């Protein structure tokens, strides 16, 4: 039985003090969720928030990690450093990292390998931009992203991977893929995993939807058979909205 999950991605929001306040509210409010609850925080929050929520229903993710193990890479944060904070997850492959920081397949492959080697679970993001959707290329785009960065993993390593499909044209735009659009490509992605690792592994793979998923549309999206939860952006910054999405799962 695959894990259902609602994960928040705070992005570059919340001071440390604001982040601690939000994490504390979630820890106190989210007691017995029917899914895995993860909050992805900026690096400077990780150690404090991980300690704060330890033993609660809330898990912590980093929003990124370096593609190098260690060394003279000023400003970078390694997977080992992330793991040392108590964080359990690392979000990799987000469209913003691909677009703004030019993270290609090889860079992401290195990041995934380092995260897994340091005991982190990976939430790996895939998805097409608006032009690719308009040209009906979304299937080939997500297939290339998987083949380029994660389909080299062993089945044992794959067990630590959660996929997050995020149509880039729907992130922060207020646009959302229809449940039919989202289900169609989630089913396609699960089919790709089945081709690579077999049906049982595919059935056990958690695939999240990301892209303007909020407290109003979450239940309809989560009702789709191949959508196992959400990777939530803006709505994860407000406890009441995030908790409503968790309840919808």
Protein backbone atom coordinates (compact mmCIF):
# COMPACT_ATOMS: atom_id res chain seq x y z
CA UNK A 1 0.00 0.00 0.00
CA UNK A 2 1.60 3.25 -1.08
CA UNK A 3 2.05 6.20 1.26
CA UNK A 4 -0.40 9.08 0.99
CA UNK A 5 1.32 12.40 1.57
CA UNK A 6 0.74 16.12 1.83
CA UNK A 7 4.01 18.04 1.66
CA UNK A 8 4.46 21.79 1.99
CA UNK A 9 7.15 23.73 0.15
CA UNK A 10 7.71 27.05 1.89
CA UNK A 11 10.20 28.25 -0.76
CA UNK A 12 11.97 31.52 0.17
CA UNK A 13 9.38 32.58 2.72
CA UNK A 14 9.21 32.96 6.50
CA UNK A 15 11.92 34.26 8.78
CA UNK A 16 13.23 31.72 11.27
CA UNK A 17 10.92 33.07 13.93
CA UNK A 18 7.89 32.97 11.62
CA UNK A 19 8.79 29.47 10.50
CA UNK A 20 9.06 28.24 14.08
CA UNK A 21 5.64 29.73 14.84
CA UNK A 22 4.06 27.99 11.84
CA UNK A 23 5.76 24.66 12.54
CA UNK A 24 4.68 24.82 16.17
CA UNK A 25 1.06 25.43 15.18
CA UNK A 26 1.13 22.49 12.77
CA UNK A 27 2.72 20.24 15.40
CA UNK A 28 -0.03 21.12 17.87
CA UNK A 29 -2.92 20.90 15.39
CA UNK A 30 -2.00 17.87 13.27
CA UNK A 31 -2.29 14.92 15.61
CA UNK A 32 -3.55 11.84 13.75
CA UNK A 33 -3.45 12.58 10.02
CA UNK A 34 -4.43 9.89 7.54
CA UNK A 35 -1.33 10.68 5.48
CA UNK A 36 2.35 11.56 5.84
CA UNK A 37 2.73 15.27 6.56
CA UNK A 38 5.97 16.97 5.47
CA UNK A 39 7.06 20.60 5.59
CA UNK A 40 9.87 21.78 3.33
CA UNK A 41 11.65 24.71 4.95
CA UNK A 42 14.56 27.00 4.03
CA UNK A 43 17.96 25.69 5.11
CA UNK A 44 18.29 28.06 8.07
CA UNK A 45 15.09 26.65 9.60
CA UNK A 46 15.93 22.97 9.32
CA UNK A 47 17.71 22.17 12.59
CA UNK A 48 15.40 24.26 14.73
CA UNK A 49 12.17 23.05 13.12
CA UNK A 50 13.29 19.40 12.99
CA UNK A 51 13.98 19.48 16.72
CA UNK A 52 10.69 21.26 17.39
CA UNK A 53 8.52 18.69 15.59
CA UNK A 54 10.50 15.61 16.63
CA UNK A 55 8.13 12.85 17.74
CA UNK A 56 5.11 14.56 16.19
CA UNK A 57 3.12 13.73 13.05
CA UNK A 58 5.05 16.37 11.09
CA UNK A 59 8.21 15.48 9.14
CA UNK A 60 10.74 17.94 7.74
CA UNK A 61 12.26 18.32 4.27
CA UNK A 62 15.02 20.48 2.87
CA UNK A 63 14.08 22.34 -0.31
CA UNK A 64 17.37 21.45 -2.01
CA UNK A 65 20.87 20.10 -1.45
CA UNK A 66 24.22 20.48 -3.20
CA UNK A 67 25.41 18.23 -6.01
CA UNK A 68 28.80 17.89 -4.31
CA UNK A 69 29.69 15.87 -1.22
CA UNK A 70 31.74 18.55 0.54
CA UNK A 71 34.53 21.04 -0.08
CA UNK A 72 35.18 24.59 -1.25
CA UNK A 73 31.67 25.41 -2.49
CA UNK A 74 30.85 28.61 -0.65
CA UNK A 75 27.18 28.98 0.19
CA UNK A 76 26.22 25.40 -0.66
CA UNK A 77 24.58 22.93 1.76
CA UNK A 78 25.43 19.25 1.37
CA UNK A 79 23.08 16.31 1.76
CA UNK A 80 25.12 15.21 4.80
CA UNK A 81 24.52 18.63 6.38
CA UNK A 82 20.80 18.37 5.68
CA UNK A 83 20.64 14.89 7.24
CA UNK A 84 22.54 16.10 10.30
CA UNK A 85 19.72 18.53 11.13
CA UNK A 86 17.19 15.75 11.59
CA UNK A 87 15.39 16.42 8.31
CA UNK A 88 14.09 13.23 6.70
CA UNK A 89 13.31 14.43 3.17
CA UNK A 90 14.86 16.53 0.42
CA UNK A 91 12.89 18.17 -2.40
CA UNK A 92 14.84 17.95 -5.66
CA UNK A 93 14.15 18.80 -9.29
CA UNK A 94 11.68 21.60 -8.56
CA UNK A 95 10.90 23.58 -11.70
CA UNK A 96 12.21 26.77 -10.09
CA UNK A 97 15.60 25.13 -9.53
CA UNK A 98 15.62 23.84 -13.10
CA UNK A 99 14.62 27.22 -14.58
CA UNK A 100 16.39 29.79 -12.39
CA UNK A 101 19.52 27.86 -11.42
CA UNK A 102 19.92 25.75 -14.57
CA UNK A 103 19.87 22.39 -12.83
CA UNK A 104 20.10 19.81 -15.60
CA UNK A 105 19.58 16.05 -15.58
CA UNK A 106 23.16 15.30 -14.53
CA UNK A 107 23.21 17.80 -11.66
CA UNK A 108 19.92 16.41 -10.37
CA UNK A 109 21.18 12.85 -10.75
CA UNK A 110 24.14 13.71 -8.52
CA UNK A 111 21.89 15.41 -5.96
CA UNK A 112 19.53 12.44 -5.81
CA UNK A 113 22.40 10.00 -5.32
CA UNK A 114 23.95 12.10 -2.55
CA UNK A 115 20.63 12.57 -0.78
CA UNK A 116 19.93 8.83 -0.81
CA UNK A 117 23.50 8.00 0.25
CA UNK A 118 22.99 10.19 3.30
CA UNK A 119 19.77 8.49 4.34
CA UNK A 120 17.37 11.13 3.05
CA UNK A 121 14.14 10.34 1.24
CA UNK A 122 13.68 12.31 -1.97
CA UNK A 123 10.62 14.15 -3.27
CA UNK A 124 11.52 14.42 -6.95
CA UNK A 125 9.66 16.95 -9.08
CA UNK A 126 8.84 16.58 -12.76
CA UNK A 127 6.58 18.50 -15.10
CA UNK A 128 6.19 20.49 -18.31
CA UNK A 129 6.06 24.21 -19.08
CA UNK A 130 3.07 25.83 -20.78
CA UNK A 131 4.52 25.66 -24.31
CA UNK A 132 5.19 21.94 -23.93
CA UNK A 133 1.63 21.34 -22.73
CA UNK A 134 0.21 23.34 -25.64
CA UNK A 135 2.27 21.20 -28.02
CA UNK A 136 1.04 18.04 -26.23
CA UNK A 137 4.61 17.12 -25.26
CA UNK A 138 3.99 16.64 -21.54
CA UNK A 139 4.42 12.86 -21.68
CA UNK A 140 7.78 12.95 -23.43
CA UNK A 141 8.97 15.73 -21.10
CA UNK A 142 8.27 13.84 -17.88
CA UNK A 143 9.68 10.62 -19.36
CA UNK A 144 12.95 12.40 -20.24
CA UNK A 145 13.15 13.94 -16.76
CA UNK A 146 12.75 10.55 -15.11
CA UNK A 147 15.20 8.82 -17.43
CA UNK A 148 17.72 11.62 -17.08
CA UNK A 149 17.93 11.74 -13.29
CA UNK A 150 16.28 8.84 -11.43
CA UNK A 151 15.57 5.81 -13.60
CA UNK A 152 19.14 4.58 -13.09
CA UNK A 153 18.36 3.86 -9.42
CA UNK A 154 17.98 0.33 -8.09
CA UNK A 155 14.55 -0.84 -6.97
CA UNK A 156 15.81 -0.63 -3.38
CA UNK A 157 16.83 3.01 -3.87
CA UNK A 158 13.58 3.74 -5.70
CA UNK A 159 11.67 2.84 -2.54
CA UNK A 160 12.99 6.10 -1.06
CA UNK A 161 11.67 8.21 -3.96
CA UNK A 162 8.37 10.11 -3.96
CA UNK A 163 7.45 11.71 -7.29
CA UNK A 164 5.73 15.09 -7.54
CA UNK A 165 4.15 16.01 -10.86
CA UNK A 166 3.95 19.78 -11.18
CA UNK A 167 2.70 21.38 -14.38
CA UNK A 168 4.96 24.43 -14.42
CA UNK A 169 2.23 26.53 -15.99
CA UNK A 170 0.13 26.01 -12.85
CA UNK A 171 2.70 26.97 -10.20
CA UNK A 172 1.81 30.23 -8.51
CA UNK A 173 -0.44 31.22 -11.41
CA UNK A 174 -3.77 30.26 -9.92
CA UNK A 175 -4.21 27.83 -12.82
CA UNK A 176 -4.65 24.20 -11.92
CA UNK A 177 -4.68 21.12 -14.08
CA UNK A 178 -8.18 19.67 -14.18
CA UNK A 179 -8.59 16.44 -12.24
CA UNK A 180 -8.88 14.69 -15.62
CA UNK A 181 -5.61 16.21 -16.89
CA UNK A 182 -3.82 15.45 -13.64
CA UNK A 183 -5.10 11.87 -13.42
CA UNK A 184 -4.17 11.19 -17.04
CA UNK A 185 -0.52 12.15 -16.62
CA UNK A 186 -0.23 10.60 -13.15
CA UNK A 187 -1.41 7.31 -14.65
CA UNK A 188 1.11 7.73 -17.47
CA UNK A 189 3.92 8.34 -14.94
CA UNK A 190 2.92 5.28 -12.94
CA UNK A 191 2.98 3.30 -16.18
CA UNK A 192 6.55 4.46 -16.84
CA UNK A 193 7.58 3.29 -13.37
CA UNK A 194 5.90 -0.06 -14.05
CA UNK A 195 7.83 -0.45 -17.31
CA UNK A 196 11.09 0.25 -15.49
CA UNK A 197 10.62 -1.48 -12.13
CA UNK A 198 7.52 -3.66 -12.45
CA UNK A 199 3.87 -3.28 -11.51
CA UNK A 200 4.32 -3.89 -7.78
CA UNK A 201 6.92 -1.15 -7.42
CA UNK A 202 4.75 1.20 -9.48
CA UNK A 203 1.74 0.44 -7.29
CA UNK A 204 3.85 1.28 -4.23
CA UNK A 205 5.20 4.57 -5.66
CA UNK A 206 3.73 7.74 -4.20
CA UNK A 207 2.98 10.38 -6.84
CA UNK A 208 1.95 13.84 -5.65
CA UNK A 209 0.28 16.65 -7.57
CA UNK A 210 1.81 20.12 -7.32
CA UNK A 211 0.64 23.29 -9.01
CA UNK A 212 -1.81 25.65 -7.29
CA UNK A 213 -3.27 22.84 -5.22
CA UNK A 214 -5.21 24.46 -2.39
CA UNK A 215 -7.87 23.86 0.25
CA UNK A 216 -10.63 24.38 -2.33
CA UNK A 217 -9.54 21.92 -5.02
CA UNK A 218 -7.54 19.38 -3.00
CA UNK A 219 -10.35 16.92 -2.32
CA UNK A 220 -11.32 16.70 -6.00
CA UNK A 221 -7.70 16.16 -7.08
CA UNK A 222 -6.99 13.65 -4.30
CA UNK A 223 -10.03 11.60 -5.33
CA UNK A 224 -8.22 10.61 -8.53
CA UNK A 225 -6.90 7.03 -8.26
CA UNK A 226 -3.29 7.83 -9.21
CA UNK A 227 -2.94 11.07 -7.21
CA UNK A 228 -1.59 10.19 -3.78
CA UNK A 229 -1.44 13.66 -2.29
CA UNK A 230 0.00 17.08 -2.98
CA UNK A 231 3.15 19.17 -2.97
CA UNK A 232 1.74 22.46 -1.73
CA UNK A 233 3.28 25.88 -2.28
CA UNK A 234 1.52 29.07 -1.19
CA UNK A 235 -1.24 27.34 0.76
CA UNK A 236 1.35 25.63 2.98
CA UNK A 237 2.35 29.01 4.43
CA UNK A 238 -0.99 29.41 6.23
CA UNK A 239 -1.63 26.77 8.86
CA UNK A 240 -5.41 26.68 8.48
CA UNK A 241 -5.22 26.23 4.70
CA UNK A 242 -2.51 23.57 4.91
CA UNK A 243 -4.42 21.70 7.60
CA UNK A 244 -7.56 21.75 5.42
CA UNK A 245 -5.57 20.16 2.58
CA UNK A 246 -4.23 17.51 4.97
CA UNK A 247 -7.79 16.78 6.07
CA UNK A 248 -8.82 16.40 2.41
CA UNK A 249 -6.30 13.60 1.94
